[in-house]
Amino acid sequence: MLKILHFIFGRLYFQVKGYQTERFLNLCAKNHLVLWELKPVSDGYAFCIRKSAYQTLVTLAQKANVELTLQKQRGLPYFLKEHRNRKILFFFIFLCAMMIFSFSQFLWEITVSGGEVYSKSDILKYVTDNYYHLGTLKYQIDCDALEDHLREDYDEIAWVSCSVQGTRLHIEIKETLDRKTKQNPKKPCDIVANKSGIITKMAVKSGTPLVSTGDSVKKGTTLISGLIYYYSDDFTVIQTDKIKADGEIIMRTKEVYENSIPMEYYEKTITDEKKCIKNIYLGQYQFDFPSKQKQNHTNVVTERRSLKIGTSFYLSIGITIQTTEKYQPKKKILTKKEAQLKLKKQLEHYLTKKAKKGAKIVHCEENYQRKNNRYEVRASIIKEESIGKIRNIKKLTKKQEEMIAPTTAQQ
């Protein structure tokens, strides 16, 4: 930031020499004159100052009887002065600035973070196909509405935050709603069940609880309402407020895990070094350089890199990098023992991921079998996990209103 200010307002580089250079430095300190990049040289000191401090510097140098020598001038004022007759240069600088300003009004990058159940490519395709594509004007993007749509259309998304940063739309999702999750809605909300099961633990921070420990609930049931009821002495509702419901609900759930692998498969042996092909894209258009026709038995990985300024100001131009490598396929046939071991490792990996997300595995019953030319595993998993997702507030039914005792209404 300091370098930017120095460039905008200009800076002067001096060398000072004489018998009273130390007195000169003391006078500068006494008058609060800041000397940047001060360093000793053979016959004095070298430093730089702001352009606006020049007159003060000359006065102090005369008072200390030292010799000042101007070494160089740097910054925007001197650049403009030096090139004041180059009108074409300034025209192109102005044109570039206007182009950058124009580009800054559009969306050029969409990023997704935090998802495990849903892949980033699935979320990106959903957003670009149904709502916002690259090149959309930023003022047309409604982050709140997009959050609502993502929570409604994806059952496993408990929490989502969308924000426009520079020319990038960033989507952060979380598939478990727990006490560490920061509530992101800007408006009141309910917490509903995103799974069916039995509640084993419930801690309400704000809102009105509609279920209690031991209750069996179905997916979509409102667990904590954002509606707060105020009652009179005769238990009549005198006021209703809307707030953000918050709390942690632990539920015992049952899940059926299914997976299968083919009896026959091909093992890849890399036979050639990786080769990269770079192509240029501009907006929705890509310009491919001539390349060899794609050959059989070749892995291709495509990576897109956008040109950007800073961390979030993406431009509509960039490159796509295609990395290719040849491989030699070798056919292999799994035995029953090998297939069962491979499926078991994949199941253990799945359970480990669930445990890392806070789930407690209570019971797991596995069943392995061969069906046609595939080996299959079917596991019945009982676990205790944090559940719940945010939803816009819905009006309570009469039955729900009757369930709420005045003493249980919380704020």
Protein backbone atom coordinates (compact mmCIF):
# COMPACT_ATOMS: atom_id res chain seq x y z
CA MET A 1 0.00 0.00 0.00
CA LEU A 2 2.86 2.38 0.86
CA LYS A 3 4.49 1.74 -2.50
CA ILE A 4 1.23 2.54 -4.27
CA LEU A 5 0.91 5.86 -2.41
CA HIS A 6 4.53 6.72 -3.20
CA PHE A 7 3.87 6.01 -6.87
CA ILE A 8 0.70 8.12 -6.98
CA PHE A 9 2.09 11.17 -5.14
CA GLY A 10 5.71 10.87 -6.26
CA ARG A 11 8.98 10.48 -4.35
CA LEU A 12 12.42 12.09 -4.57
CA TYR A 13 15.76 10.36 -3.99
CA PHE A 14 18.52 12.46 -2.38
CA GLN A 15 22.07 12.09 -1.18
CA VAL A 16 23.24 14.28 1.72
CA LYS A 17 26.86 14.96 2.65
CA GLY A 18 28.75 17.38 4.85
CA TYR A 19 30.21 17.71 8.34
CA GLN A 20 26.82 17.99 10.07
CA THR A 21 24.81 15.17 8.50
CA GLU A 22 23.92 13.79 11.95
CA ARG A 23 22.54 17.20 12.97
CA PHE A 24 20.54 17.26 9.75
CA LEU A 25 19.02 13.84 10.56
CA ASN A 26 18.17 15.02 14.09
CA LEU A 27 16.42 18.11 12.65
CA CYS A 28 14.41 15.88 10.33
CA ALA A 29 13.31 13.72 13.27
CA LYS A 30 12.45 16.79 15.38
CA ASN A 31 10.29 18.21 12.56
CA HIS A 32 8.61 14.82 11.95
CA LEU A 33 10.03 14.58 8.45
CA VAL A 34 10.03 10.90 7.41
CA LEU A 35 13.05 9.72 5.42
CA TRP A 36 12.40 6.44 3.57
CA GLU A 37 15.05 3.84 2.68
CA LEU A 38 17.71 5.69 4.69
CA LYS A 39 21.14 4.07 4.32
CA PRO A 40 24.77 5.19 4.72
CA VAL A 41 26.96 5.71 1.63
CA SER A 42 30.64 6.50 1.21
CA ASP A 43 30.42 10.24 1.98
CA GLY A 44 27.02 10.66 3.63
CA TYR A 45 23.52 9.19 3.53
CA ALA A 46 21.01 8.30 0.80
CA PHE A 47 17.24 8.40 1.29
CA CYS A 48 13.94 9.26 -0.36
CA ILE A 49 11.08 11.53 0.67
CA ARG A 50 7.57 12.38 -0.45
CA LYS A 51 7.34 15.03 -3.16
CA SER A 52 5.30 17.28 -0.84
CA ALA A 53 8.12 17.37 1.75
CA TYR A 54 10.69 18.90 -0.61
CA GLN A 55 10.57 22.50 0.69
CA THR A 56 10.86 21.39 4.33
CA LEU A 57 13.85 19.23 3.42
CA VAL A 58 15.67 22.13 1.68
CA THR A 59 15.07 24.45 4.67
CA LEU A 60 16.50 21.91 7.14
CA ALA A 61 19.51 21.24 4.89
CA GLN A 62 20.33 24.97 4.77
CA LYS A 63 19.99 25.20 8.55
CA ALA A 64 22.39 22.27 9.08
CA ASN A 65 24.75 23.54 6.36
CA VAL A 66 24.83 20.25 4.44
CA GLU A 67 24.82 19.58 0.72
CA LEU A 68 21.76 17.93 -0.87
CA THR A 69 22.03 16.24 -4.25
CA LEU A 70 18.92 15.06 -6.11
CA GLN A 71 19.61 11.58 -7.48
CA LYS A 72 16.34 10.67 -9.22
CA GLN A 73 12.59 11.28 -9.33
CA ARG A 74 10.02 8.52 -9.35
CA GLY A 75 6.23 8.32 -9.39
CA LEU A 76 3.15 9.16 -11.42
CA PRO A 77 3.58 12.99 -11.45
CA TYR A 78 7.04 12.73 -13.01
CA PHE A 79 5.95 10.01 -15.43
CA LEU A 80 3.10 12.23 -16.67
CA LYS A 81 5.42 15.21 -16.95
CA GLU A 82 8.03 13.22 -18.90
CA HIS A 83 5.49 11.78 -21.34
CA ARG A 84 3.08 14.73 -21.54
CA ASN A 85 3.50 15.02 -25.31
CA ARG A 86 2.72 11.34 -25.99
CA LYS A 87 -1.03 11.63 -26.47
CA ILE A 88 -1.39 8.18 -28.07
CA LEU A 89 0.20 6.55 -25.00
CA PHE A 90 -2.29 8.24 -22.67
CA PHE A 91 -5.14 7.34 -24.99
CA PHE A 92 -4.25 3.65 -24.78
CA ILE A 93 -3.79 3.85 -20.99
CA PHE A 94 -7.26 5.39 -20.73
CA LEU A 95 -8.64 2.74 -23.10
CA CYS A 96 -7.12 -0.08 -21.02
CA ALA A 97 -8.52 1.43 -17.80
CA MET A 98 -11.99 1.62 -19.36
CA MET A 99 -11.74 -1.99 -20.56
CA ILE A 100 -10.73 -3.19 -17.09
CA PHE A 101 -13.59 -1.21 -15.57
CA SER A 102 -16.01 -2.74 -18.09
CA PHE A 103 -14.74 -6.26 -17.38
CA SER A 104 -15.17 -5.65 -13.64
CA GLN A 105 -18.95 -5.36 -14.10
CA PHE A 106 -19.30 -9.00 -15.21
CA LEU A 107 -18.93 -12.44 -13.65
CA TRP A 108 -15.90 -14.31 -15.01
CA GLU A 109 -15.26 -17.06 -12.47
CA ILE A 110 -17.37 -19.38 -10.27
CA THR A 111 -15.68 -21.36 -7.49
CA VAL A 112 -17.09 -23.95 -5.08
CA SER A 113 -15.61 -25.15 -1.79
CA GLY A 114 -16.61 -27.43 1.07
CA GLY A 115 -18.63 -30.13 -0.69
CA GLU A 116 -18.08 -33.89 -0.33
CA VAL A 117 -21.38 -35.56 -1.18
CA TYR A 118 -21.86 -33.29 -4.20
CA SER A 119 -18.91 -32.68 -6.51
CA LYS A 120 -17.80 -29.19 -7.48
CA SER A 121 -18.58 -29.91 -11.12
CA ASP A 122 -22.19 -30.85 -10.21
CA ILE A 123 -22.74 -27.58 -8.31
CA LEU A 124 -21.10 -25.54 -11.09
CA LYS A 125 -23.27 -27.18 -13.74
CA TYR A 126 -26.39 -26.56 -11.66
CA VAL A 127 -25.57 -22.87 -11.20
CA THR A 128 -24.51 -22.20 -14.81
CA ASP A 129 -27.39 -24.15 -16.38
CA ASN A 130 -30.15 -22.70 -14.21
CA TYR A 131 -29.05 -19.31 -12.89
CA TYR A 132 -25.76 -17.56 -13.66
CA HIS A 133 -23.22 -18.25 -16.39
CA LEU A 134 -19.88 -16.62 -17.09
CA GLY A 135 -20.43 -13.14 -18.47
CA THR A 136 -23.49 -12.37 -16.32
CA LEU A 137 -23.71 -8.79 -15.06
CA LYS A 138 -22.85 -8.70 -11.35
CA TYR A 139 -25.87 -6.58 -10.40
CA GLN A 140 -28.13 -9.40 -11.68
CA ILE A 141 -26.71 -11.89 -9.16
CA ASP A 142 -28.93 -12.46 -6.13
CA CYS A 143 -26.81 -14.38 -3.62
CA ASP A 144 -29.65 -14.80 -1.10
CA ALA A 145 -31.96 -16.34 -3.71
CA LEU A 146 -29.18 -18.66 -4.95
CA GLU A 147 -28.57 -19.85 -1.37
CA ASP A 148 -32.28 -20.65 -0.99
CA HIS A 149 -32.36 -22.60 -4.26
CA LEU A 150 -29.27 -24.64 -3.38
CA ARG A 151 -30.66 -25.57 0.06
CA GLU A 152 -34.03 -26.53 -1.42
CA ASP A 153 -32.74 -28.56 -4.38
CA TYR A 154 -29.92 -30.41 -2.60
CA ASP A 155 -31.01 -32.41 0.44
CA GLU A 156 -27.49 -32.94 1.80
CA ILE A 157 -26.61 -29.22 1.81
CA ALA A 158 -27.27 -27.95 5.33
CA TRP A 159 -25.55 -24.57 5.03
CA VAL A 160 -24.49 -22.50 2.04
CA SER A 161 -22.95 -19.08 1.59
CA CYS A 162 -22.73 -17.27 -1.75
CA SER A 163 -20.74 -14.08 -2.23
CA VAL A 164 -19.48 -11.98 -5.13
CA GLN A 165 -15.80 -11.10 -4.67
CA GLY A 166 -14.39 -8.96 -7.45
CA THR A 167 -15.48 -10.75 -10.63
CA ARG A 168 -15.84 -14.14 -8.91
CA LEU A 169 -18.90 -15.85 -7.47
CA HIS A 170 -17.77 -18.02 -4.57
CA ILE A 171 -20.07 -20.74 -3.23
CA GLU A 172 -19.19 -22.34 0.10
CA ILE A 173 -21.28 -25.29 1.19
CA LYS A 174 -21.42 -27.47 4.28
CA GLU A 175 -23.25 -30.74 4.56
CA THR A 176 -23.46 -30.87 8.36
CA LEU A 177 -25.09 -28.22 10.53
CA ASP A 178 -23.33 -28.17 13.92
CA ARG A 179 -22.41 -25.70 16.64
CA LYS A 180 -19.27 -24.66 14.79
CA THR A 181 -21.29 -23.65 11.74
CA LYS A 182 -21.76 -19.92 11.43
CA GLN A 183 -25.37 -19.12 10.57
CA ASN A 184 -25.25 -17.22 7.29
CA PRO A 185 -28.84 -16.21 6.40
CA LYS A 186 -29.56 -12.50 6.40
CA LYS A 187 -33.19 -13.22 7.24
CA PRO A 188 -35.05 -15.39 9.80
CA CYS A 189 -35.02 -19.13 9.24
CA ASP A 190 -36.13 -22.56 10.51
CA ILE A 191 -33.98 -25.63 11.06
CA VAL A 192 -35.50 -28.75 9.49
CA ALA A 193 -34.51 -32.41 9.39
CA ASN A 194 -32.56 -33.40 6.28
CA LYS A 195 -32.78 -37.08 7.29
CA SER A 196 -35.19 -39.40 9.06
CA GLY A 197 -34.34 -40.92 12.44
CA ILE A 198 -34.63 -40.70 16.22
CA ILE A 199 -33.43 -37.62 18.13
CA THR A 200 -30.88 -38.55 20.80
CA LYS A 201 -29.67 -35.09 21.81
CA MET A 202 -30.93 -31.56 21.25
CA ALA A 203 -29.52 -28.17 22.31
CA VAL A 204 -31.49 -25.09 21.25
CA LYS A 205 -29.70 -21.75 21.20
CA SER A 206 -32.49 -19.65 19.67
CA GLY A 207 -35.94 -20.33 18.29
CA THR A 208 -38.85 -22.53 19.34
CA PRO A 209 -38.17 -26.31 19.56
CA LEU A 210 -40.93 -28.43 18.01
CA VAL A 211 -39.45 -31.83 18.85
CA SER A 212 -37.66 -33.32 21.84
CA THR A 213 -35.18 -36.08 22.66
CA GLY A 214 -36.54 -39.53 21.84
CA ASP A 215 -38.88 -38.32 19.09
CA SER A 216 -38.91 -40.13 15.76
CA VAL A 217 -38.94 -37.57 12.94
CA LYS A 218 -39.16 -37.76 9.17
CA LYS A 219 -37.09 -35.92 6.62
CA GLY A 220 -38.39 -32.36 6.13
CA THR A 221 -39.86 -32.05 9.65
CA THR A 222 -39.33 -28.64 11.27
CA LEU A 223 -37.07 -29.18 14.31
CA ILE A 224 -36.56 -25.60 15.51
CA SER A 225 -38.88 -22.86 14.34
CA GLY A 226 -37.74 -19.28 13.85
CA LEU A 227 -41.15 -18.12 15.12
CA ILE A 228 -41.21 -16.84 18.70
CA TYR A 229 -44.58 -16.67 20.49
CA TYR A 230 -45.29 -14.31 23.39
CA TYR A 231 -48.19 -15.26 25.64
CA SER A 232 -50.39 -13.38 28.08
CA ASP A 233 -51.32 -14.68 31.53
CA ASP A 234 -54.25 -16.59 30.08
CA PHE A 235 -51.97 -18.31 27.51
CA THR A 236 -53.19 -16.19 24.59
CA VAL A 237 -50.65 -15.28 21.89
CA ILE A 238 -50.15 -11.51 22.02
CA GLN A 239 -47.10 -11.17 19.75
CA THR A 240 -45.09 -13.20 17.23
CA ASP A 241 -41.52 -12.47 16.17
CA LYS A 242 -39.27 -14.03 13.51
CA ILE A 243 -35.61 -14.81 14.28
CA LYS A 244 -32.81 -17.05 13.04
CA ALA A 245 -33.24 -20.51 14.55
CA ASP A 246 -30.01 -21.96 15.89
CA GLY A 247 -29.13 -25.16 17.68
CA GLU A 248 -27.52 -28.60 17.47
CA ILE A 249 -29.52 -31.77 16.95
CA ILE A 250 -28.00 -35.25 17.19
CA MET A 251 -30.02 -38.01 15.54
CA ARG A 252 -29.68 -41.77 15.25
CA THR A 253 -30.09 -42.58 11.57
CA LYS A 254 -30.02 -45.70 9.43
CA GLU A 255 -28.29 -45.75 6.08
CA VAL A 256 -27.93 -48.42 3.44
CA TYR A 257 -24.50 -48.37 1.76
CA GLU A 258 -24.15 -50.07 -1.64
CA ASN A 259 -21.08 -50.45 -3.80
CA SER A 260 -19.87 -52.75 -6.55
CA ILE A 261 -16.74 -53.38 -8.60
CA PRO A 262 -16.29 -55.34 -11.86
CA MET A 263 -14.79 -58.81 -11.75
CA GLU A 264 -12.59 -57.90 -14.70
CA TYR A 265 -10.68 -54.64 -14.92
CA TYR A 266 -7.71 -53.09 -16.67
CA GLU A 267 -4.61 -51.91 -14.84
CA LYS A 268 -2.90 -48.92 -16.43
CA THR A 269 0.87 -48.84 -16.87
CA ILE A 270 2.18 -45.40 -17.91
CA THR A 271 4.37 -45.77 -21.00
CA ASP A 272 5.09 -42.16 -21.97
CA GLU A 273 5.94 -38.85 -20.32
CA LYS A 274 3.25 -36.27 -19.67
CA LYS A 275 2.66 -33.75 -22.44
CA CYS A 276 0.92 -30.40 -22.02
CA ILE A 277 -1.10 -28.58 -24.68
CA LYS A 278 -2.06 -24.97 -23.95
CA ASN A 279 -5.02 -23.24 -25.60
CA ILE A 280 -6.33 -19.69 -25.23
CA TYR A 281 -9.94 -18.85 -24.37
CA LEU A 282 -11.77 -15.53 -24.44
CA GLY A 283 -15.12 -15.46 -22.66
CA GLN A 284 -17.17 -18.39 -23.98
CA TYR A 285 -14.88 -18.96 -26.97
CA GLN A 286 -11.79 -21.16 -27.05
CA PHE A 287 -9.04 -21.01 -29.67
CA ASP A 288 -7.32 -24.39 -29.99
CA PHE A 289 -3.82 -24.68 -31.32
CA PRO A 290 -3.14 -27.44 -33.86
CA SER A 291 -2.43 -30.73 -32.09
CA LYS A 292 -2.19 -34.40 -32.86
CA GLN A 293 -5.38 -36.40 -32.99
CA LYS A 294 -6.27 -38.06 -29.71
CA GLN A 295 -4.89 -41.59 -29.54
CA ASN A 296 -6.28 -44.65 -27.83
CA HIS A 297 -5.17 -45.54 -24.29
CA THR A 298 -4.44 -41.95 -23.32
CA ASN A 299 -5.31 -40.15 -20.09
CA VAL A 300 -6.35 -36.51 -20.60
CA VAL A 301 -6.67 -34.00 -17.73
CA THR A 302 -7.92 -30.50 -18.54
CA GLU A 303 -7.20 -27.53 -16.26
CA ARG A 304 -8.55 -24.01 -16.75
CA ARG A 305 -6.49 -21.02 -15.57
CA SER A 306 -7.97 -17.53 -15.73
CA LEU A 307 -5.94 -14.35 -15.93
CA LYS A 308 -6.56 -12.34 -12.76
CA ILE A 309 -5.50 -9.20 -10.93
CA GLY A 310 -5.03 -9.79 -7.21
CA THR A 311 -6.95 -12.65 -5.61
CA SER A 312 -10.51 -12.18 -6.87
CA PHE A 313 -10.48 -9.89 -9.93
CA TYR A 314 -10.71 -12.44 -12.73
CA LEU A 315 -10.66 -11.45 -16.41
CA SER A 316 -12.44 -13.10 -19.33
CA ILE A 317 -9.19 -14.35 -20.86
CA GLY A 318 -7.01 -17.26 -19.86
CA ILE A 319 -5.59 -20.61 -20.90
CA THR A 320 -6.69 -24.23 -20.75
CA ILE A 321 -3.99 -26.81 -20.14
CA GLN A 322 -4.50 -30.35 -21.40
CA THR A 323 -2.14 -32.87 -19.85
CA THR A 324 -1.93 -36.18 -21.71
CA GLU A 325 -0.10 -39.39 -20.90
CA LYS A 326 -0.14 -42.74 -22.71
CA TYR A 327 -0.71 -45.98 -20.84
CA GLN A 328 -0.69 -49.69 -21.59
CA PRO A 329 -3.81 -51.53 -20.33
CA LYS A 330 -3.36 -54.93 -18.73
CA LYS A 331 -6.40 -57.08 -18.09
CA LYS A 332 -6.83 -58.56 -14.60
CA ILE A 333 -9.46 -60.75 -12.97
CA LEU A 334 -10.28 -60.44 -9.28
CA THR A 335 -10.73 -63.45 -7.05
CA LYS A 336 -13.59 -63.48 -4.54
CA LYS A 337 -11.17 -62.81 -1.67
CA GLU A 338 -9.46 -59.92 -3.46
CA ALA A 339 -12.79 -58.33 -4.42
CA GLN A 340 -14.12 -58.61 -0.87
CA LEU A 341 -10.95 -57.05 0.54
CA LYS A 342 -11.13 -54.17 -1.96
CA LEU A 343 -14.80 -53.52 -1.20
CA LYS A 344 -14.11 -53.69 2.53
CA LYS A 345 -11.35 -51.06 2.26
CA GLN A 346 -13.67 -48.74 0.32
CA LEU A 347 -16.37 -49.20 2.99
CA GLU A 348 -13.87 -48.47 5.77
CA HIS A 349 -12.74 -45.35 3.94
CA TYR A 350 -16.38 -44.24 3.67
CA LEU A 351 -16.97 -44.81 7.40
CA THR A 352 -13.75 -42.93 8.25
CA LYS A 353 -14.95 -39.92 6.27
CA LYS A 354 -18.25 -39.99 8.16
CA ALA A 355 -16.40 -40.20 11.50
CA LYS A 356 -14.23 -37.21 10.57
CA LYS A 357 -17.40 -35.22 9.96
CA GLY A 358 -18.53 -36.00 13.53
CA ALA A 359 -20.69 -39.11 13.02
CA LYS A 360 -20.50 -41.94 15.55
CA ILE A 361 -20.84 -45.40 13.97
CA VAL A 362 -23.07 -47.49 16.25
CA HIS A 363 -23.44 -50.61 14.11
CA CYS A 364 -22.45 -51.80 10.65
CA GLU A 365 -23.66 -55.09 9.11
CA GLU A 366 -22.06 -56.08 5.80
CA ASN A 367 -23.15 -58.52 3.12
CA TYR A 368 -20.88 -59.45 0.18
CA GLN A 369 -22.00 -61.34 -2.92
CA ARG A 370 -21.25 -61.86 -6.58
CA LYS A 371 -23.88 -60.85 -9.11
CA ASN A 372 -23.28 -61.55 -12.80
CA ASN A 373 -19.77 -60.22 -13.55
CA ARG A 374 -19.56 -57.87 -10.53
CA TYR A 375 -18.87 -58.17 -6.83
CA GLU A 376 -21.22 -56.23 -4.58
CA VAL A 377 -21.41 -55.13 -0.96
CA ARG A 378 -24.52 -53.97 0.87
CA ALA A 379 -24.07 -52.58 4.38
CA SER A 380 -26.67 -51.47 6.89
CA ILE A 381 -25.14 -48.62 8.91
CA ILE A 382 -26.61 -47.18 12.11
CA LYS A 383 -24.96 -43.96 13.23
CA GLU A 384 -25.44 -40.91 15.42
CA GLU A 385 -24.73 -37.62 13.66
CA SER A 386 -25.52 -33.91 13.62
CA ILE A 387 -28.46 -33.23 11.33
CA GLY A 388 -30.50 -30.25 10.23
CA LYS A 389 -30.55 -27.71 7.43
CA ILE A 390 -31.61 -24.08 7.14
CA ARG A 391 -34.92 -23.23 5.50
CA ASN A 392 -37.04 -20.11 5.12
CA ILE A 393 -39.61 -19.79 7.91
CA LYS A 394 -42.92 -21.56 7.35
CA LYS A 395 -46.10 -20.97 9.29
CA LEU A 396 -46.82 -23.58 11.96
CA THR A 397 -49.79 -25.88 11.71
CA LYS A 398 -52.49 -25.80 14.41
CA LYS A 399 -51.16 -29.09 15.78
CA GLN A 400 -47.67 -27.62 16.13
CA GLU A 401 -49.01 -24.49 17.81
CA GLU A 402 -50.92 -26.61 20.30
CA MET A 403 -47.75 -28.58 21.10
CA ILE A 404 -45.87 -25.46 22.20
CA ALA A 405 -46.26 -24.70 25.87
CA PRO A 406 -45.70 -21.04 26.83
CA THR A 407 -42.81 -21.99 29.13
CA THR A 408 -40.88 -23.58 26.27
CA ALA A 409 -40.85 -20.57 23.99
CA GLN A 410 -37.24 -19.31 23.83
CA GLN A 411 -35.64 -16.18 22.51
